[in-house]
Amino acid sequence: MTRTGFYPKKDGDGTVREGPYRHLAREFDRRLKILRESRTVVDPRDAQIERLKAENTD
C-alpha cells in the first residue's frame, strides 16, 4: 500500500476524489490528535535508543 492511497486526488476535470484508504488516514489523524492533546506522544527514537543500549549491555 502506498502513501498516496491515503490522500485525496484531483481528476483531470478538477474534481476531488478520496483515496481508497482515506478511512485509515482519518483514524490515524484522530488517534494522533488524542495523543498530542494528552501529551503522551512517544518519540520512536527514544525507544530505539533504549533498545540499542539494552542490546549493547548484553
PDB file of N, CA and C in Angstrom:
ATOM      1  N   MET A   1       0.847  -1.153   0.000  1.00  0.00           N
ATOM      2  CA  MET A   1       0.000   0.000   0.000  1.00  0.00           C
ATOM      3  C   MET A   1       0.908   1.235   0.000  1.00  0.00           C
ATOM      4  N   THR A   2       0.668   2.132  -0.907  1.00  0.00           N
ATOM      5  CA  THR A   2       1.471   3.352  -0.983  1.00  0.00           C
ATOM      6  C   THR A   2       0.816   4.465  -0.172  1.00  0.00           C
ATOM      7  N   ARG A   3       1.605   5.469   0.177  1.00  0.00           N
ATOM      8  CA  ARG A   3       1.057   6.603   0.930  1.00  0.00           C
ATOM      9  C   ARG A   3       0.003   7.349   0.134  1.00  0.00           C
ATOM     10  N   THR A   4       0.106   7.326  -1.185  1.00  0.00           N
ATOM     11  CA  THR A   4      -0.837   8.096  -1.988  1.00  0.00           C
ATOM     12  C   THR A   4      -2.259   7.587  -1.849  1.00  0.00           C
ATOM     13  N   GLY A   5      -2.442   6.364  -1.401  1.00  0.00           N
ATOM     14  CA  GLY A   5      -3.783   5.827  -1.196  1.00  0.00           C
ATOM     15  C   GLY A   5      -4.518   6.477  -0.045  1.00  0.00           C
ATOM     16  N   PHE A   6      -3.801   7.204   0.806  1.00  0.00           N
ATOM     17  CA  PHE A   6      -4.415   7.847   1.958  1.00  0.00           C
ATOM     18  C   PHE A   6      -4.950   9.237   1.650  1.00  0.00           C
ATOM     19  N   TYR A   7      -4.490   9.836   0.580  1.00  0.00           N
ATOM     20  CA  TYR A   7      -4.779  11.235   0.335  1.00  0.00           C
ATOM     21  C   TYR A   7      -5.713  11.427  -0.851  1.00  0.00           C
ATOM     22  N   PRO A   8      -6.492  12.528  -0.841  1.00  0.00           N
ATOM     23  CA  PRO A   8      -7.388  12.799  -1.960  1.00  0.00           C
ATOM     24  C   PRO A   8      -6.613  13.102  -3.241  1.00  0.00           C
ATOM     25  N   LYS A   9      -7.253  12.823  -4.356  1.00  0.00           N
ATOM     26  CA  LYS A   9      -6.641  13.050  -5.666  1.00  0.00           C
ATOM     27  C   LYS A   9      -7.528  14.001  -6.468  1.00  0.00           C
ATOM     28  N   LYS A  10      -6.908  14.708  -7.390  1.00  0.00           N
ATOM     29  CA  LYS A  10      -7.682  15.547  -8.297  1.00  0.00           C
ATOM     30  C   LYS A  10      -7.744  14.869  -9.651  1.00  0.00           C
ATOM     31  N   ASP A  11      -8.955  14.756 -10.172  1.00  0.00           N
ATOM     32  CA  ASP A  11      -9.129  14.221 -11.514  1.00  0.00           C
ATOM     33  C   ASP A  11      -8.783  15.303 -12.528  1.00  0.00           C
ATOM     34  N   GLY A  12      -8.728  14.931 -13.776  1.00  0.00           N
ATOM     35  CA  GLY A  12      -8.389  15.872 -14.835  1.00  0.00           C
ATOM     36  C   GLY A  12      -9.320  17.064 -14.910  1.00  0.00           C
ATOM     37  N   ASP A  13     -10.580  16.866 -14.527  1.00  0.00           N
ATOM     38  CA  ASP A  13     -11.540  17.968 -14.586  1.00  0.00           C
ATOM     39  C   ASP A  13     -11.562  18.804 -13.304  1.00  0.00           C
ATOM     40  N   GLY A  14     -10.666  18.496 -12.359  1.00  0.00           N
ATOM     41  CA  GLY A  14     -10.553  19.289 -11.145  1.00  0.00           C
ATOM     42  C   GLY A  14     -11.371  18.778  -9.970  1.00  0.00           C
ATOM     43  N   THR A  15     -12.199  17.764 -10.187  1.00  0.00           N
ATOM     44  CA  THR A  15     -12.961  17.221  -9.069  1.00  0.00           C
ATOM     45  C   THR A  15     -12.045  16.401  -8.166  1.00  0.00           C
ATOM     46  N   VAL A  16     -12.359  16.400  -6.897  1.00  0.00           N
ATOM     47  CA  VAL A  16     -11.528  15.705  -5.918  1.00  0.00           C
ATOM     48  C   VAL A  16     -12.195  14.386  -5.550  1.00  0.00           C
ATOM     49  N   ARG A  17     -11.404  13.326  -5.565  1.00  0.00           N
ATOM     50  CA  ARG A  17     -11.901  12.028  -5.101  1.00  0.00           C
ATOM     51  C   ARG A  17     -10.956  11.534  -4.026  1.00  0.00           C
ATOM     52  N   GLU A  18     -11.540  10.898  -3.030  1.00  0.00           N
ATOM     53  CA  GLU A  18     -10.734  10.439  -1.905  1.00  0.00           C
ATOM     54  C   GLU A  18      -9.965   9.186  -2.265  1.00  0.00           C
ATOM     55  N   GLY A  19      -8.816   9.007  -1.617  1.00  0.00           N
ATOM     56  CA  GLY A  19      -8.024   7.809  -1.812  1.00  0.00           C
ATOM     57  C   GLY A  19      -8.746   6.601  -1.237  1.00  0.00           C
ATOM     58  N   PRO A  20      -8.401   5.402  -1.688  1.00  0.00           N
ATOM     59  CA  PRO A  20      -9.103   4.201  -1.243  1.00  0.00           C
ATOM     60  C   PRO A  20      -8.893   3.877   0.237  1.00  0.00           C
ATOM     61  N   TYR A  21      -7.857   4.415   0.850  1.00  0.00           N
ATOM     62  CA  TYR A  21      -7.583   4.132   2.255  1.00  0.00           C
ATOM     63  C   TYR A  21      -7.765   5.364   3.126  1.00  0.00           C
ATOM     64  N   ARG A  22      -8.558   6.313   2.678  1.00  0.00           N
ATOM     65  CA  ARG A  22      -8.746   7.564   3.412  1.00  0.00           C
ATOM     66  C   ARG A  22      -9.278   7.311   4.819  1.00  0.00           C
ATOM     67  N   HIS A  23     -10.095   6.274   4.989  1.00  0.00           N
ATOM     68  CA  HIS A  23     -10.631   5.978   6.321  1.00  0.00           C
ATOM     69  C   HIS A  23      -9.505   5.651   7.306  1.00  0.00           C
ATOM     70  N   LEU A  24      -8.438   5.023   6.817  1.00  0.00           N
ATOM     71  CA  LEU A  24      -7.299   4.722   7.687  1.00  0.00           C
ATOM     72  C   LEU A  24      -6.547   5.996   8.059  1.00  0.00           C
ATOM     73  N   ALA A  25      -6.426   6.902   7.100  1.00  0.00           N
ATOM     74  CA  ALA A  25      -5.758   8.175   7.373  1.00  0.00           C
ATOM     75  C   ALA A  25      -6.547   8.977   8.403  1.00  0.00           C
ATOM     76  N   ARG A  26      -7.872   8.965   8.292  1.00  0.00           N
ATOM     77  CA  ARG A  26      -8.697   9.679   9.269  1.00  0.00           C
ATOM     78  C   ARG A  26      -8.526   9.084  10.668  1.00  0.00           C
ATOM     79  N   GLU A  27      -8.511   7.754  10.751  1.00  0.00           N
ATOM     80  CA  GLU A  27      -8.331   7.094  12.045  1.00  0.00           C
ATOM     81  C   GLU A  27      -6.960   7.428  12.634  1.00  0.00           C
ATOM     82  N   PHE A  28      -5.925   7.413  11.804  1.00  0.00           N
ATOM     83  CA  PHE A  28      -4.579   7.766  12.260  1.00  0.00           C
ATOM     84  C   PHE A  28      -4.548   9.201  12.767  1.00  0.00           C
ATOM     85  N   ASP A  29      -5.129  10.136  11.999  1.00  0.00           N
ATOM     86  CA  ASP A  29      -5.154  11.541  12.408  1.00  0.00           C
ATOM     87  C   ASP A  29      -5.907  11.718  13.722  1.00  0.00           C
ATOM     88  N   ARG A  30      -7.018  10.987  13.887  1.00  0.00           N
ATOM     89  CA  ARG A  30      -7.814  11.077  15.108  1.00  0.00           C
ATOM     90  C   ARG A  30      -7.000  10.606  16.315  1.00  0.00           C
ATOM     91  N   ARG A  31      -6.341   9.464  16.179  1.00  0.00           N
ATOM     92  CA  ARG A  31      -5.551   8.927  17.292  1.00  0.00           C
ATOM     93  C   ARG A  31      -4.362   9.822  17.624  1.00  0.00           C
ATOM     94  N   LEU A  32      -3.710  10.348  16.600  1.00  0.00           N
ATOM     95  CA  LEU A  32      -2.566  11.230  16.821  1.00  0.00           C
ATOM     96  C   LEU A  32      -2.987  12.506  17.536  1.00  0.00           C
ATOM     97  N   LYS A  33      -4.145  13.040  17.163  1.00  0.00           N
ATOM     98  CA  LYS A  33      -4.657  14.247  17.813  1.00  0.00           C
ATOM     99  C   LYS A  33      -4.901  13.990  19.298  1.00  0.00           C
ATOM    100  N   ILE A  34      -5.493  12.842  19.619  1.00  0.00           N
ATOM    101  CA  ILE A  34      -5.749  12.495  21.021  1.00  0.00           C
ATOM    102  C   ILE A  34      -4.438  12.384  21.793  1.00  0.00           C
ATOM    103  N   LEU A  35      -3.445  11.732  21.200  1.00  0.00           N
ATOM    104  CA  LEU A  35      -2.147  11.592  21.865  1.00  0.00           C
ATOM    105  C   LEU A  35      -1.479  12.940  22.083  1.00  0.00           C
ATOM    106  N   ARG A  36      -1.550  13.793  21.076  1.00  0.00           N
ATOM    107  CA  ARG A  36      -0.925  15.119  21.206  1.00  0.00           C
ATOM    108  C   ARG A  36      -1.610  15.946  22.284  1.00  0.00           C
ATOM    109  N   GLU A  37      -2.947  15.866  22.328  1.00  0.00           N
ATOM    110  CA  GLU A  37      -3.681  16.639  23.328  1.00  0.00           C
ATOM    111  C   GLU A  37      -3.389  16.149  24.742  1.00  0.00           C
ATOM    112  N   SER A  38      -3.156  14.863  24.889  1.00  0.00           N
ATOM    113  CA  SER A  38      -2.853  14.319  26.215  1.00  0.00           C
ATOM    114  C   SER A  38      -1.354  14.358  26.509  1.00  0.00           C
ATOM    115  N   ARG A  39      -0.581  14.839  25.546  1.00  0.00           N
ATOM    116  CA  ARG A  39       0.877  14.964  25.666  1.00  0.00           C
ATOM    117  C   ARG A  39       1.555  13.630  25.974  1.00  0.00           C
ATOM    118  N   THR A  40       1.075  12.569  25.331  1.00  0.00           N
ATOM    119  CA  THR A  40       1.673  11.250  25.544  1.00  0.00           C
ATOM    120  C   THR A  40       2.308  10.705  24.273  1.00  0.00           C
ATOM    121  N   VAL A  41       2.609  11.573  23.336  1.00  0.00           N
ATOM    122  CA  VAL A  41       3.249  11.125  22.103  1.00  0.00           C
ATOM    123  C   VAL A  41       4.675  10.695  22.439  1.00  0.00           C
ATOM    124  N   VAL A  42       4.988   9.479  22.081  1.00  0.00           N
ATOM    125  CA  VAL A  42       6.305   8.925  22.365  1.00  0.00           C
ATOM    126  C   VAL A  42       7.174   9.081  21.123  1.00  0.00           C
ATOM    127  N   ASP A  43       8.361   9.606  21.333  1.00  0.00           N
ATOM    128  CA  ASP A  43       9.299   9.740  20.225  1.00  0.00           C
ATOM    129  C   ASP A  43       9.896   8.361  19.954  1.00  0.00           C
ATOM    130  N   PRO A  44       9.712   7.811  18.757  1.00  0.00           N
ATOM    131  CA  PRO A  44      10.226   6.468  18.479  1.00  0.00           C
ATOM    132  C   PRO A  44      11.746   6.381  18.587  1.00  0.00           C
ATOM    133  N   ARG A  45      12.420   7.496  18.443  1.00  0.00           N
ATOM    134  CA  ARG A  45      13.881   7.481  18.576  1.00  0.00           C
ATOM    135  C   ARG A  45      14.296   7.146  20.000  1.00  0.00           C
ATOM    136  N   ASP A  46      13.527   7.635  20.984  1.00  0.00           N
ATOM    137  CA  ASP A  46      13.840   7.321  22.379  1.00  0.00           C
ATOM    138  C   ASP A  46      13.747   5.822  22.629  1.00  0.00           C
ATOM    139  N   ALA A  47      12.706   5.199  22.106  1.00  0.00           N
ATOM    140  CA  ALA A  47      12.542   3.755  22.274  1.00  0.00           C
ATOM    141  C   ALA A  47      13.674   3.006  21.583  1.00  0.00           C
ATOM    142  N   GLN A  48      14.082   3.482  20.419  1.00  0.00           N
ATOM    143  CA  GLN A  48      15.171   2.829  19.693  1.00  0.00           C
ATOM    144  C   GLN A  48      16.486   2.955  20.468  1.00  0.00           C
ATOM    145  N   ILE A  49      16.745   4.120  21.025  1.00  0.00           N
ATOM    146  CA  ILE A  49      17.972   4.328  21.796  1.00  0.00           C
ATOM    147  C   ILE A  49      18.005   3.385  22.996  1.00  0.00           C
ATOM    148  N   GLU A  50      16.887   3.280  23.712  1.00  0.00           N
ATOM    149  CA  GLU A  50      16.831   2.389  24.870  1.00  0.00           C
ATOM    150  C   GLU A  50      17.031   0.937  24.461  1.00  0.00           C
ATOM    151  N   ARG A  51      16.437   0.541  23.339  1.00  0.00           N
ATOM    152  CA  ARG A  51      16.588  -0.830  22.854  1.00  0.00           C
ATOM    153  C   ARG A  51      18.040  -1.118  22.503  1.00  0.00           C
ATOM    154  N   LEU A  52      18.689  -0.184  21.816  1.00  0.00           N
ATOM    155  CA  LEU A  52      20.084  -0.378  21.431  1.00  0.00           C
ATOM    156  C   LEU A  52      21.006  -0.409  22.650  1.00  0.00           C
ATOM    157  N   LYS A  53      20.720   0.431  23.638  1.00  0.00           N
ATOM    158  CA  LYS A  53      21.517   0.403  24.867  1.00  0.00           C
ATOM    159  C   LYS A  53      21.405  -0.957  25.547  1.00  0.00           C
ATOM    160  N   ALA A  54      20.185  -1.474  25.606  1.00  0.00           N
ATOM    161  CA  ALA A  54      19.965  -2.778  26.246  1.00  0.00           C
ATOM    162  C   ALA A  54      20.674  -3.887  25.479  1.00  0.00           C
ATOM    163  N   GLU A  55      20.647  -3.815  24.163  1.00  0.00           N
ATOM    164  CA  GLU A  55      21.317  -4.832  23.346  1.00  0.00           C
ATOM    165  C   GLU A  55      22.828  -4.782  23.536  1.00  0.00           C
ATOM    166  N   ASN A  56      23.378  -3.597  23.689  1.00  0.00           N
ATOM    167  CA  ASN A  56      24.826  -3.447  23.828  1.00  0.00           C
ATOM    168  C   ASN A  56      25.338  -3.871  25.197  1.00  0.00           C
ATOM    169  N   THR A  57      24.485  -3.860  26.202  1.00  0.00           N
ATOM    170  CA  THR A  57      24.924  -4.263  27.534  1.00  0.00           C
ATOM    171  C   THR A  57      24.828  -5.770  27.743  1.00  0.00           C
ATOM    172  N   ASP A  58      24.171  -6.464  26.852  1.00  0.00           N
ATOM    173  CA  ASP A  58      24.038  -7.932  26.986  1.00  0.00           C
ATOM    174  C   ASP A  58      25.276  -8.666  26.579  1.00  0.00           C
TER     175      ASP A  58
END
